[in-house]
Full PDB file with SEQRES, HELIX, SHEET, SSBOND, CRYST1, ORIGX, SCALE, CONECT and MASTER records, all heavy atoms in Angstrom:
SEQRES   1 A   41  ARG GLU GLU THR GLY PHE ALA LYS GLY PHE TYR ARG ARG          
SEQRES   2 A   41  PRO LEU GLN VAL GLY ASP THR HIS THR PRO GLY GLY GLY          
SEQRES   3 A   41  GLY ARG VAL THR GLU LEU THR ALA ARG PRO LEU LEU ASN          
SEQRES   4 A   41  LEU PHE                                                      
HELIX    1 AA1 ARG A   28  VAL A   29  1                                   2    
HELIX    2 AA2 THR A   30  ALA A   34  3                                   5    
HELIX    3 AA3 ARG A   35  LEU A   40  1                                   6    
SHEET    1 AA1 2 LEU A  15  VAL A  17  0                                        
SHEET    2 AA1 2 THR A  20  THR A  22 -1                                        
CRYST1    1.000    1.000    1.000  90.00  90.00  90.00 P 1           1          
ORIGX1      1.000000  0.000000  0.000000        0.00000                         
ORIGX2      0.000000  1.000000  0.000000        0.00000                         
ORIGX3      0.000000  0.000000  1.000000        0.00000                         
SCALE1      1.000000  0.000000  0.000000        0.00000                         
SCALE2      0.000000  1.000000  0.000000        0.00000                         
SCALE3      0.000000  0.000000  1.000000        0.00000                         
ATOM      1  N   ARG A   1       0.847  -1.193   0.000  1.00  0.00           N  
ATOM      2  CA  ARG A   1       0.000   0.000   0.000  1.00  0.00           C  
ATOM      3  C   ARG A   1       0.880   1.240   0.000  1.00  0.00           C  
ATOM      4  O   ARG A   1       1.724   1.397   0.881  1.00  0.00           O  
ATOM      5  CB  ARG A   1      -0.908   0.045   1.231  1.00  0.00           C  
ATOM      6  CG  ARG A   1      -2.002  -0.985   1.266  1.00  0.00           C  
ATOM      7  CD  ARG A   1      -2.782  -0.922   2.582  1.00  0.00           C  
ATOM      8  NE  ARG A   1      -3.457   0.356   2.769  1.00  0.00           N  
ATOM      9  CZ  ARG A   1      -3.153   1.235   3.733  1.00  0.00           C  
ATOM     10  NH1 ARG A   1      -2.166   0.994   4.568  1.00  0.00           N  
ATOM     11  NH2 ARG A   1      -3.823   2.360   3.850  1.00  0.00           N  
ATOM     12  N   GLU A   2       0.667   2.098  -0.961  1.00  0.00           N  
ATOM     13  CA  GLU A   2       1.455   3.330  -1.016  1.00  0.00           C  
ATOM     14  C   GLU A   2       1.208   4.202   0.203  1.00  0.00           C  
ATOM     15  O   GLU A   2       2.072   4.973   0.619  1.00  0.00           O  
ATOM     16  CB  GLU A   2       1.127   4.108  -2.293  1.00  0.00           C  
ATOM     17  CG  GLU A   2       2.012   5.320  -2.518  1.00  0.00           C  
ATOM     18  CD  GLU A   2       1.697   6.034  -3.811  1.00  0.00           C  
ATOM     19  OE1 GLU A   2       0.915   5.496  -4.612  1.00  0.00           O  
ATOM     20  OE2 GLU A   2       2.232   7.141  -4.015  1.00  0.00           O  
ATOM     21  N   GLU A   3       0.013   4.064   0.817  1.00  0.00           N  
ATOM     22  CA  GLU A   3      -0.318   4.861   1.994  1.00  0.00           C  
ATOM     23  C   GLU A   3       0.477   4.440   3.222  1.00  0.00           C  
ATOM     24  O   GLU A   3       0.575   5.196   4.194  1.00  0.00           O  
ATOM     25  CB  GLU A   3      -1.819   4.752   2.300  1.00  0.00           C  
ATOM     26  CG  GLU A   3      -2.732   5.353   1.244  1.00  0.00           C  
ATOM     27  CD  GLU A   3      -2.916   4.436   0.031  1.00  0.00           C  
ATOM     28  OE1 GLU A   3      -2.512   3.250   0.122  1.00  0.00           O  
ATOM     29  OE2 GLU A   3      -3.448   4.893  -0.990  1.00  0.00           O  
ATOM     30  N   THR A   4       1.018   3.240   3.195  1.00  0.00           N  
ATOM     31  CA  THR A   4       1.805   2.763   4.331  1.00  0.00           C  
ATOM     32  C   THR A   4       3.193   3.394   4.276  1.00  0.00           C  
ATOM     33  O   THR A   4       3.938   3.193   3.327  1.00  0.00           O  
ATOM     34  CB  THR A   4       1.927   1.232   4.316  1.00  0.00           C  
ATOM     35  OG1 THR A   4       0.616   0.652   4.416  1.00  0.00           O  
ATOM     36  CG2 THR A   4       2.773   0.747   5.490  1.00  0.00           C  
ATOM     37  N   GLY A   5       3.515   4.145   5.313  1.00  0.00           N  
ATOM     38  CA  GLY A   5       4.812   4.806   5.360  1.00  0.00           C  
ATOM     39  C   GLY A   5       5.755   4.215   6.376  1.00  0.00           C  
ATOM     40  O   GLY A   5       6.954   4.510   6.364  1.00  0.00           O  
ATOM     41  N   PHE A   6       5.224   3.359   7.266  1.00  0.00           N  
ATOM     42  CA  PHE A   6       6.026   2.812   8.352  1.00  0.00           C  
ATOM     43  C   PHE A   6       5.472   1.444   8.708  1.00  0.00           C  
ATOM     44  O   PHE A   6       4.259   1.278   8.855  1.00  0.00           O  
ATOM     45  CB  PHE A   6       5.954   3.742   9.568  1.00  0.00           C  
ATOM     46  CG  PHE A   6       6.918   3.421  10.676  1.00  0.00           C  
ATOM     47  CD1 PHE A   6       8.277   3.609  10.519  1.00  0.00           C  
ATOM     48  CD2 PHE A   6       6.453   2.959  11.899  1.00  0.00           C  
ATOM     49  CE1 PHE A   6       9.165   3.342  11.546  1.00  0.00           C  
ATOM     50  CE2 PHE A   6       7.321   2.687  12.938  1.00  0.00           C  
ATOM     51  CZ  PHE A   6       8.691   2.882  12.767  1.00  0.00           C  
ATOM     52  N   ALA A   7       6.354   0.460   8.832  1.00  0.00           N  
ATOM     53  CA  ALA A   7       5.929  -0.917   9.112  1.00  0.00           C  
ATOM     54  C   ALA A   7       6.734  -1.467  10.280  1.00  0.00           C  
ATOM     55  O   ALA A   7       7.957  -1.321  10.323  1.00  0.00           O  
ATOM     56  CB  ALA A   7       6.121  -1.798   7.877  1.00  0.00           C  
ATOM     57  N   LYS A   8       6.040  -2.121  11.215  1.00  0.00           N  
ATOM     58  CA  LYS A   8       6.691  -2.701  12.393  1.00  0.00           C  
ATOM     59  C   LYS A   8       6.378  -4.188  12.479  1.00  0.00           C  
ATOM     60  O   LYS A   8       5.255  -4.611  12.192  1.00  0.00           O  
ATOM     61  CB  LYS A   8       6.196  -2.043  13.683  1.00  0.00           C  
ATOM     62  CG  LYS A   8       6.775  -0.671  13.945  1.00  0.00           C  
ATOM     63  CD  LYS A   8       6.511  -0.218  15.367  1.00  0.00           C  
ATOM     64  CE  LYS A   8       7.321  -0.973  16.381  1.00  0.00           C  
ATOM     65  NZ  LYS A   8       8.732  -0.533  16.437  1.00  0.00           N  
ATOM     66  N   GLY A   9       7.373  -4.953  12.914  1.00  0.00           N  
ATOM     67  CA  GLY A   9       7.148  -6.367  13.134  1.00  0.00           C  
ATOM     68  C   GLY A   9       6.633  -6.637  14.535  1.00  0.00           C  
ATOM     69  O   GLY A   9       6.819  -5.842  15.458  1.00  0.00           O  
ATOM     70  N   PHE A  10       5.946  -7.774  14.687  1.00  0.00           N  
ATOM     71  CA  PHE A  10       5.619  -8.275  16.024  1.00  0.00           C  
ATOM     72  C   PHE A  10       5.748  -9.795  15.998  1.00  0.00           C  
ATOM     73  O   PHE A  10       5.740 -10.421  14.936  1.00  0.00           O  
ATOM     74  CB  PHE A  10       4.226  -7.827  16.494  1.00  0.00           C  
ATOM     75  CG  PHE A  10       3.059  -8.421  15.747  1.00  0.00           C  
ATOM     76  CD1 PHE A  10       2.456  -9.603  16.165  1.00  0.00           C  
ATOM     77  CD2 PHE A  10       2.539  -7.789  14.622  1.00  0.00           C  
ATOM     78  CE1 PHE A  10       1.374 -10.135  15.489  1.00  0.00           C  
ATOM     79  CE2 PHE A  10       1.450  -8.316  13.932  1.00  0.00           C  
ATOM     80  CZ  PHE A  10       0.869  -9.495  14.361  1.00  0.00           C  
ATOM     81  N   TYR A  11       5.866 -10.398  17.165  1.00  0.00           N  
ATOM     82  CA  TYR A  11       6.197 -11.819  17.248  1.00  0.00           C  
ATOM     83  C   TYR A  11       6.059 -12.290  18.684  1.00  0.00           C  
ATOM     84  O   TYR A  11       5.940 -11.493  19.619  1.00  0.00           O  
ATOM     85  CB  TYR A  11       7.637 -12.068  16.775  1.00  0.00           C  
ATOM     86  CG  TYR A  11       8.548 -10.880  16.916  1.00  0.00           C  
ATOM     87  CD1 TYR A  11       8.897 -10.376  18.172  1.00  0.00           C  
ATOM     88  CD2 TYR A  11       9.026 -10.203  15.787  1.00  0.00           C  
ATOM     89  CE1 TYR A  11       9.700  -9.259  18.308  1.00  0.00           C  
ATOM     90  CE2 TYR A  11       9.839  -9.079  15.921  1.00  0.00           C  
ATOM     91  CZ  TYR A  11      10.168  -8.619  17.188  1.00  0.00           C  
ATOM     92  OH  TYR A  11      10.954  -7.512  17.325  1.00  0.00           O  
ATOM     93  N   ARG A  12       6.072 -13.591  18.849  1.00  0.00           N  
ATOM     94  CA  ARG A  12       6.217 -14.156  20.184  1.00  0.00           C  
ATOM     95  C   ARG A  12       7.666 -13.996  20.617  1.00  0.00           C  
ATOM     96  O   ARG A  12       8.579 -14.155  19.818  1.00  0.00           O  
ATOM     97  CB  ARG A  12       5.848 -15.646  20.207  1.00  0.00           C  
ATOM     98  CG  ARG A  12       4.414 -15.937  19.842  1.00  0.00           C  
ATOM     99  CD  ARG A  12       4.122 -17.422  20.007  1.00  0.00           C  
ATOM    100  NE  ARG A  12       5.045 -18.239  19.214  1.00  0.00           N  
ATOM    101  CZ  ARG A  12       4.872 -18.536  17.931  1.00  0.00           C  
ATOM    102  NH1 ARG A  12       3.815 -18.067  17.283  1.00  0.00           N  
ATOM    103  NH2 ARG A  12       5.762 -19.281  17.284  1.00  0.00           N  
ATOM    104  N   ARG A  13       7.856 -13.717  21.905  1.00  0.00           N  
ATOM    105  CA  ARG A  13       9.214 -13.537  22.420  1.00  0.00           C  
ATOM    106  C   ARG A  13       9.392 -14.434  23.641  1.00  0.00           C  
ATOM    107  O   ARG A  13       8.996 -14.068  24.748  1.00  0.00           O  
ATOM    108  CB  ARG A  13       9.470 -12.075  22.790  1.00  0.00           C  
ATOM    109  CG  ARG A  13       9.454 -11.149  21.588  1.00  0.00           C  
ATOM    110  CD  ARG A  13       9.710  -9.714  21.985  1.00  0.00           C  
ATOM    111  NE  ARG A  13      11.040  -9.550  22.561  1.00  0.00           N  
ATOM    112  CZ  ARG A  13      11.496  -8.383  23.043  1.00  0.00           C  
ATOM    113  NH1 ARG A  13      10.725  -7.324  23.023  1.00  0.00           N  
ATOM    114  NH2 ARG A  13      12.710  -8.310  23.537  1.00  0.00           N  
ATOM    115  N   PRO A  14       9.956 -15.620  23.460  1.00  0.00           N  
ATOM    116  CA  PRO A  14      10.167 -16.501  24.610  1.00  0.00           C  
ATOM    117  C   PRO A  14      11.186 -15.919  25.568  1.00  0.00           C  
ATOM    118  O   PRO A  14      12.094 -15.175  25.176  1.00  0.00           O  
ATOM    119  CB  PRO A  14      10.679 -17.798  23.970  1.00  0.00           C  
ATOM    120  CG  PRO A  14      11.245 -17.384  22.655  1.00  0.00           C  
ATOM    121  CD  PRO A  14      10.425 -16.211  22.207  1.00  0.00           C  
ATOM    122  N   LEU A  15      11.031 -16.261  26.844  1.00  0.00           N  
ATOM    123  CA  LEU A  15      11.940 -15.801  27.890  1.00  0.00           C  
ATOM    124  C   LEU A  15      12.718 -16.995  28.424  1.00  0.00           C  
ATOM    125  O   LEU A  15      12.132 -18.001  28.827  1.00  0.00           O  
ATOM    126  CB  LEU A  15      11.155 -15.137  29.019  1.00  0.00           C  
ATOM    127  CG  LEU A  15      11.964 -14.674  30.250  1.00  0.00           C  
ATOM    128  CD1 LEU A  15      12.946 -13.590  29.845  1.00  0.00           C  
ATOM    129  CD2 LEU A  15      11.017 -14.193  31.345  1.00  0.00           C  
ATOM    130  N   GLN A  16      14.031 -16.899  28.372  1.00  0.00           N  
ATOM    131  CA  GLN A  16      14.903 -17.957  28.863  1.00  0.00           C  
ATOM    132  C   GLN A  16      15.684 -17.433  30.059  1.00  0.00           C  
ATOM    133  O   GLN A  16      16.497 -16.520  29.939  1.00  0.00           O  
ATOM    134  CB  GLN A  16      15.884 -18.424  27.772  1.00  0.00           C  
ATOM    135  CG  GLN A  16      16.750 -19.603  28.164  1.00  0.00           C  
ATOM    136  CD  GLN A  16      16.008 -20.927  28.072  1.00  0.00           C  
ATOM    137  OE1 GLN A  16      15.182 -21.105  27.178  1.00  0.00           O  
ATOM    138  NE2 GLN A  16      16.293 -21.838  28.981  1.00  0.00           N  
ATOM    139  N   VAL A  17      15.406 -17.993  31.241  1.00  0.00           N  
ATOM    140  CA  VAL A  17      16.134 -17.656  32.459  1.00  0.00           C  
ATOM    141  C   VAL A  17      16.685 -18.944  33.045  1.00  0.00           C  
ATOM    142  O   VAL A  17      15.938 -19.776  33.558  1.00  0.00           O  
ATOM    143  CB  VAL A  17      15.239 -16.931  33.489  1.00  0.00           C  
ATOM    144  CG1 VAL A  17      16.044 -16.604  34.741  1.00  0.00           C  
ATOM    145  CG2 VAL A  17      14.637 -15.670  32.893  1.00  0.00           C  
ATOM    146  N   GLY A  18      17.995 -19.141  32.935  1.00  0.00           N  
ATOM    147  CA  GLY A  18      18.590 -20.396  33.377  1.00  0.00           C  
ATOM    148  C   GLY A  18      18.048 -21.533  32.541  1.00  0.00           C  
ATOM    149  O   GLY A  18      18.111 -21.511  31.309  1.00  0.00           O  
ATOM    150  N   ASP A  19      17.488 -22.528  33.199  1.00  0.00           N  
ATOM    151  CA  ASP A  19      16.913 -23.673  32.494  1.00  0.00           C  
ATOM    152  C   ASP A  19      15.418 -23.527  32.277  1.00  0.00           C  
ATOM    153  O   ASP A  19      14.765 -24.430  31.762  1.00  0.00           O  
ATOM    154  CB  ASP A  19      17.190 -24.967  33.284  1.00  0.00           C  
ATOM    155  CG  ASP A  19      18.681 -25.281  33.371  1.00  0.00           C  
ATOM    156  OD1 ASP A  19      19.400 -24.925  32.420  1.00  0.00           O  
ATOM    157  OD2 ASP A  19      19.110 -25.864  34.384  1.00  0.00           O  
ATOM    158  N   THR A  20      14.862 -22.382  32.685  1.00  0.00           N  
ATOM    159  CA  THR A  20      13.421 -22.170  32.565  1.00  0.00           C  
ATOM    160  C   THR A  20      13.099 -21.446  31.267  1.00  0.00           C  
ATOM    161  O   THR A  20      13.631 -20.368  31.000  1.00  0.00           O  
ATOM    162  CB  THR A  20      12.884 -21.351  33.758  1.00  0.00           C  
ATOM    163  OG1 THR A  20      13.211 -22.030  34.971  1.00  0.00           O  
ATOM    164  CG2 THR A  20      11.377 -21.178  33.647  1.00  0.00           C  
ATOM    165  N   HIS A  21      12.218 -22.043  30.464  1.00  0.00           N  
ATOM    166  CA  HIS A  21      11.824 -21.474  29.174  1.00  0.00           C  
ATOM    167  C   HIS A  21      10.341 -21.131  29.224  1.00  0.00           C  
ATOM    168  O   HIS A  21       9.502 -22.004  29.397  1.00  0.00           O  
ATOM    169  CB  HIS A  21      12.098 -22.484  28.050  1.00  0.00           C  
ATOM    170  CG  HIS A  21      11.755 -21.975  26.684  1.00  0.00           C  
ATOM    171  ND1 HIS A  21      12.604 -21.212  25.922  1.00  0.00           N  
ATOM    172  CD2 HIS A  21      10.618 -22.113  25.947  1.00  0.00           C  
ATOM    173  CE1 HIS A  21      12.036 -20.920  24.765  1.00  0.00           C  
ATOM    174  NE2 HIS A  21      10.820 -21.450  24.764  1.00  0.00           N  
ATOM    175  N   THR A  22      10.029 -19.845  29.081  1.00  0.00           N  
ATOM    176  CA  THR A  22       8.637 -19.395  29.077  1.00  0.00           C  
ATOM    177  C   THR A  22       8.301 -18.889  27.685  1.00  0.00           C  
ATOM    178  O   THR A  22       8.821 -17.854  27.249  1.00  0.00           O  
ATOM    179  CB  THR A  22       8.438 -18.261  30.106  1.00  0.00           C  
ATOM    180  OG1 THR A  22       8.906 -18.700  31.383  1.00  0.00           O  
ATOM    181  CG2 THR A  22       6.960 -17.885  30.199  1.00  0.00           C  
ATOM    182  N   PRO A  23       7.428 -19.613  26.937  1.00  0.00           N  
ATOM    183  CA  PRO A  23       7.192 -19.274  25.525  1.00  0.00           C  
ATOM    184  C   PRO A  23       6.780 -17.830  25.283  1.00  0.00           C  
ATOM    185  O   PRO A  23       7.225 -17.200  24.338  1.00  0.00           O  
ATOM    186  CB  PRO A  23       6.082 -20.251  25.123  1.00  0.00           C  
ATOM    187  CG  PRO A  23       6.266 -21.416  26.037  1.00  0.00           C  
ATOM    188  CD  PRO A  23       6.711 -20.832  27.341  1.00  0.00           C  
ATOM    189  N   GLY A  24       5.928 -17.271  26.133  1.00  0.00           N  
ATOM    190  CA  GLY A  24       5.459 -15.904  25.888  1.00  0.00           C  
ATOM    191  C   GLY A  24       5.916 -14.920  26.936  1.00  0.00           C  
ATOM    192  O   GLY A  24       5.291 -13.889  27.130  1.00  0.00           O  
ATOM    193  N   GLY A  25       7.023 -15.210  27.609  1.00  0.00           N  
ATOM    194  CA  GLY A  25       7.433 -14.393  28.737  1.00  0.00           C  
ATOM    195  C   GLY A  25       8.304 -13.210  28.413  1.00  0.00           C  
ATOM    196  O   GLY A  25       8.645 -12.424  29.301  1.00  0.00           O  
ATOM    197  N   GLY A  26       8.716 -13.061  27.156  1.00  0.00           N  
ATOM    198  CA  GLY A  26       9.559 -11.936  26.774  1.00  0.00           C  
ATOM    199  C   GLY A  26       8.749 -10.665  26.580  1.00  0.00           C  
ATOM    200  O   GLY A  26       7.532 -10.642  26.750  1.00  0.00           O  
ATOM    201  N   GLY A  27       9.438  -9.609  26.217  1.00  0.00           N  
ATOM    202  CA  GLY A  27       8.746  -8.339  25.982  1.00  0.00           C  
ATOM    203  C   GLY A  27       8.206  -7.721  27.252  1.00  0.00           C  
ATOM    204  O   GLY A  27       7.119  -7.132  27.259  1.00  0.00           O  
ATOM    205  N   ARG A  28       8.971  -7.789  28.336  1.00  0.00           N  
ATOM    206  CA  ARG A  28       8.474  -7.309  29.624  1.00  0.00           C  
ATOM    207  C   ARG A  28       8.318  -5.791  29.653  1.00  0.00           C  
ATOM    208  O   ARG A  28       7.316  -5.283  30.180  1.00  0.00           O  
ATOM    209  CB  ARG A  28       9.424  -7.786  30.737  1.00  0.00           C  
ATOM    210  CG  ARG A  28       9.358  -9.291  30.979  1.00  0.00           C  
ATOM    211  CD  ARG A  28      10.551  -9.783  31.790  1.00  0.00           C  
ATOM    212  NE  ARG A  28      11.760  -9.808  30.964  1.00  0.00           N  
ATOM    213  CZ  ARG A  28      12.972 -10.090  31.451  1.00  0.00           C  
ATOM    214  NH1 ARG A  28      13.118 -10.353  32.744  1.00  0.00           N  
ATOM    215  NH2 ARG A  28      14.022 -10.108  30.649  1.00  0.00           N  
ATOM    216  N   VAL A  29       9.254  -5.043  29.075  1.00  0.00           N  
ATOM    217  CA  VAL A  29       9.123  -3.582  29.053  1.00  0.00           C  
ATOM    218  C   VAL A  29       7.945  -3.181  28.160  1.00  0.00           C  
ATOM    219  O   VAL A  29       7.235  -2.210  28.446  1.00  0.00           O  
ATOM    220  CB  VAL A  29      10.427  -2.930  28.577  1.00  0.00           C  
ATOM    221  CG1 VAL A  29      10.278  -1.418  28.490  1.00  0.00           C  
ATOM    222  CG2 VAL A  29      11.570  -3.272  29.516  1.00  0.00           C  
ATOM    223  N   THR A  30       7.731  -3.936  27.105  1.00  0.00           N  
ATOM    224  CA  THR A  30       6.582  -3.659  26.233  1.00  0.00           C  
ATOM    225  C   THR A  30       5.280  -3.706  27.009  1.00  0.00           C  
ATOM    226  O   THR A  30       4.459  -2.783  26.938  1.00  0.00           O  
ATOM    227  CB  THR A  30       6.541  -4.677  25.077  1.00  0.00           C  
ATOM    228  OG1 THR A  30       7.675  -4.483  24.239  1.00  0.00           O  
ATOM    229  CG2 THR A  30       5.263  -4.518  24.256  1.00  0.00           C  
ATOM    230  N   GLU A  31       5.068  -4.786  27.750  1.00  0.00           N  
ATOM    231  CA  GLU A  31       3.784  -4.991  28.419  1.00  0.00           C  
ATOM    232  C   GLU A  31       3.648  -4.196  29.711  1.00  0.00           C  
ATOM    233  O   GLU A  31       2.532  -3.859  30.110  1.00  0.00           O  
ATOM    234  CB  GLU A  31       3.584  -6.487  28.709  1.00  0.00           C  
ATOM    235  CG  GLU A  31       3.471  -7.337  27.458  1.00  0.00           C  
ATOM    236  CD  GLU A  31       2.343  -6.882  26.535  1.00  0.00           C  
ATOM    237  OE1 GLU A  31       1.306  -6.394  27.042  1.00  0.00           O  
ATOM    238  OE2 GLU A  31       2.496  -7.000  25.303  1.00  0.00           O  
ATOM    239  N   LEU A  32       4.754  -3.885  30.382  1.00  0.00           N  
ATOM    240  CA  LEU A  32       4.685  -3.204  31.673  1.00  0.00           C  
ATOM    241  C   LEU A  32       4.891  -1.699  31.588  1.00  0.00           C  
ATOM    242  O   LEU A  32       4.566  -0.975  32.524  1.00  0.00           O  
ATOM    243  CB  LEU A  32       5.717  -3.805  32.634  1.00  0.00           C  
ATOM    244  CG  LEU A  32       5.515  -5.281  32.983  1.00  0.00           C  
ATOM    245  CD1 LEU A  32       6.645  -5.792  33.857  1.00  0.00           C  
ATOM    246  CD2 LEU A  32       4.175  -5.493  33.684  1.00  0.00           C  
ATOM    247  N   THR A  33       5.419  -1.226  30.465  1.00  0.00           N  
ATOM    248  CA  THR A  33       5.672   0.215  30.328  1.00  0.00           C  
ATOM    249  C   THR A  33       5.120   0.788  29.034  1.00  0.00           C  
ATOM    250  O   THR A  33       4.259   1.665  29.043  1.00  0.00           O  
ATOM    251  CB  THR A  33       7.186   0.515  30.418  1.00  0.00           C  
ATOM    252  OG1 THR A  33       7.692   0.035  31.658  1.00  0.00           O  
ATOM    253  CG2 THR A  33       7.442   2.017  30.326  1.00  0.00           C  
ATOM    254  N   ALA A  34       5.603   0.296  27.895  1.00  0.00           N  
ATOM    255  CA  ALA A  34       5.293   0.949  26.621  1.00  0.00           C  
ATOM    256  C   ALA A  34       3.804   0.879  26.275  1.00  0.00           C  
ATOM    257  O   ALA A  34       3.179   1.914  25.986  1.00  0.00           O  
ATOM    258  CB  ALA A  34       6.127   0.333  25.503  1.00  0.00           C  
ATOM    259  N   ARG A  35       3.235  -0.310  26.292  1.00  0.00           N  
ATOM    260  CA  ARG A  35       1.832  -0.405  25.894  1.00  0.00           C  
ATOM    261  C   ARG A  35       0.896   0.277  26.900  1.00  0.00           C  
ATOM    262  O   ARG A  35      -0.060   0.954  26.480  1.00  0.00           O  
ATOM    263  CB  ARG A  35       1.422  -1.859  25.665  1.00  0.00           C  
ATOM    264  CG  ARG A  35       2.174  -2.526  24.503  1.00  0.00           C  
ATOM    265  CD  ARG A  35       1.482  -3.769  23.960  1.00  0.00           C  
ATOM    266  NE  ARG A  35       0.328  -3.398  23.152  1.00  0.00           N  
ATOM    267  CZ  ARG A  35      -0.929  -3.544  23.524  1.00  0.00           C  
ATOM    268  NH1 ARG A  35      -1.215  -4.056  24.705  1.00  0.00           N  
ATOM    269  NH2 ARG A  35      -1.918  -3.171  22.735  1.00  0.00           N  
ATOM    270  N   PRO A  36       1.112   0.160  28.220  1.00  0.00           N  
ATOM    271  CA  PRO A  36       0.254   0.934  29.130  1.00  0.00           C  
ATOM    272  C   PRO A  36       0.327   2.439  28.894  1.00  0.00           C  
ATOM    273  O   PRO A  36      -0.704   3.122  28.930  1.00  0.00           O  
ATOM    274  CB  PRO A  36       0.788   0.547  30.514  1.00  0.00           C  
ATOM    275  CG  PRO A  36       1.333  -0.830  30.333  1.00  0.00           C  
ATOM    276  CD  PRO A  36       1.936  -0.823  28.955  1.00  0.00           C  
ATOM    277  N   LEU A  37       1.536   2.969  28.648  1.00  0.00           N  
ATOM    278  CA  LEU A  37       1.649   4.408  28.404  1.00  0.00           C  
ATOM    279  C   LEU A  37       0.933   4.812  27.121  1.00  0.00           C  
ATOM    280  O   LEU A  37       0.254   5.853  27.070  1.00  0.00           O  
ATOM    281  CB  LEU A  37       3.123   4.809  28.334  1.00  0.00           C  
ATOM    282  CG  LEU A  37       3.869   4.881  29.672  1.00  0.00           C  
ATOM    283  CD1 LEU A  37       5.364   5.089  29.424  1.00  0.00           C  
ATOM    284  CD2 LEU A  37       3.313   5.993  30.554  1.00  0.00           C  
ATOM    285  N   LEU A  38       1.083   4.024  26.071  1.00  0.00           N  
ATOM    286  CA  LEU A  38       0.403   4.355  24.819  1.00  0.00           C  
ATOM    287  C   LEU A  38      -1.106   4.237  24.966  1.00  0.00           C  
ATOM    288  O   LEU A  38      -1.860   5.081  24.453  1.00  0.00           O  
ATOM    289  CB  LEU A  38       0.902   3.445  23.690  1.00  0.00           C  
ATOM    290  CG  LEU A  38       2.351   3.662  23.252  1.00  0.00           C  
ATOM    291  CD1 LEU A  38       2.733   2.654  22.181  1.00  0.00           C  
ATOM    292  CD2 LEU A  38       2.582   5.083  22.756  1.00  0.00           C  
ATOM    293  N   ASN A  39      -1.580   3.206  25.662  1.00  0.00           N  
ATOM    294  CA  ASN A  39      -3.017   3.077  25.891  1.00  0.00           C  
ATOM    295  C   ASN A  39      -3.565   4.264  26.671  1.00  0.00           C  
ATOM    296  O   ASN A  39      -4.685   4.716  26.422  1.00  0.00           O  
ATOM    297  CB  ASN A  39      -3.314   1.778  26.642  1.00  0.00           C  
ATOM    298  CG  ASN A  39      -3.505   0.594  25.725  1.00  0.00           C  
ATOM    299  OD1 ASN A  39      -4.628   0.252  25.359  1.00  0.00           O  
ATOM    300  ND2 ASN A  39      -2.415  -0.044  25.331  1.00  0.00           N  
ATOM    301  N   LEU A  40      -2.763   4.761  27.609  1.00  0.00           N  
ATOM    302  CA  LEU A  40      -3.225   5.858  28.454  1.00  0.00           C  
ATOM    303  C   LEU A  40      -3.236   7.194  27.720  1.00  0.00           C  
ATOM    304  O   LEU A  40      -4.225   7.939  27.777  1.00  0.00           O  
ATOM    305  CB  LEU A  40      -2.326   5.943  29.693  1.00  0.00           C  
ATOM    306  CG  LEU A  40      -2.704   6.974  30.764  1.00  0.00           C  
ATOM    307  CD1 LEU A  40      -4.087   6.655  31.341  1.00  0.00           C  
ATOM    308  CD2 LEU A  40      -1.663   6.970  31.876  1.00  0.00           C  
ATOM    309  N   PHE A  41      -2.135   7.494  27.017  1.00  0.00           N  
ATOM    310  CA  PHE A  41      -1.980   8.828  26.439  1.00  0.00           C  
ATOM    311  C   PHE A  41      -2.174   8.887  24.926  1.00  0.00           C  
ATOM    312  O   PHE A  41      -2.461   9.950  24.381  1.00  0.00           O  
ATOM    313  CB  PHE A  41      -0.601   9.384  26.787  1.00  0.00           C  
ATOM    314  CG  PHE A  41      -0.393   9.603  28.256  1.00  0.00           C  
ATOM    315  CD1 PHE A  41       0.549   8.863  28.961  1.00  0.00           C  
ATOM    316  CD2 PHE A  41      -1.146  10.539  28.946  1.00  0.00           C  
ATOM    317  CE1 PHE A  41       0.742   9.068  30.323  1.00  0.00           C  
ATOM    318  CE2 PHE A  41      -0.961  10.753  30.311  1.00  0.00           C  
ATOM    319  CZ  PHE A  41      -0.016  10.008  31.001  1.00  0.00           C  
TER     320      PHE A  41                                                      
MASTER        0    0    0    3    2    0    0    6  319    1    0    4          
END                                                                             
């Protein structure tokens, strides 16, 4: 689309801490800071 001027990717972000693997546990700053601020303001 010519109207599209900016494109961003998104994905699942697994979190690996030691031997513990959490499939959807990554993106902590996204969910705890960035998205709440954008939703608010």
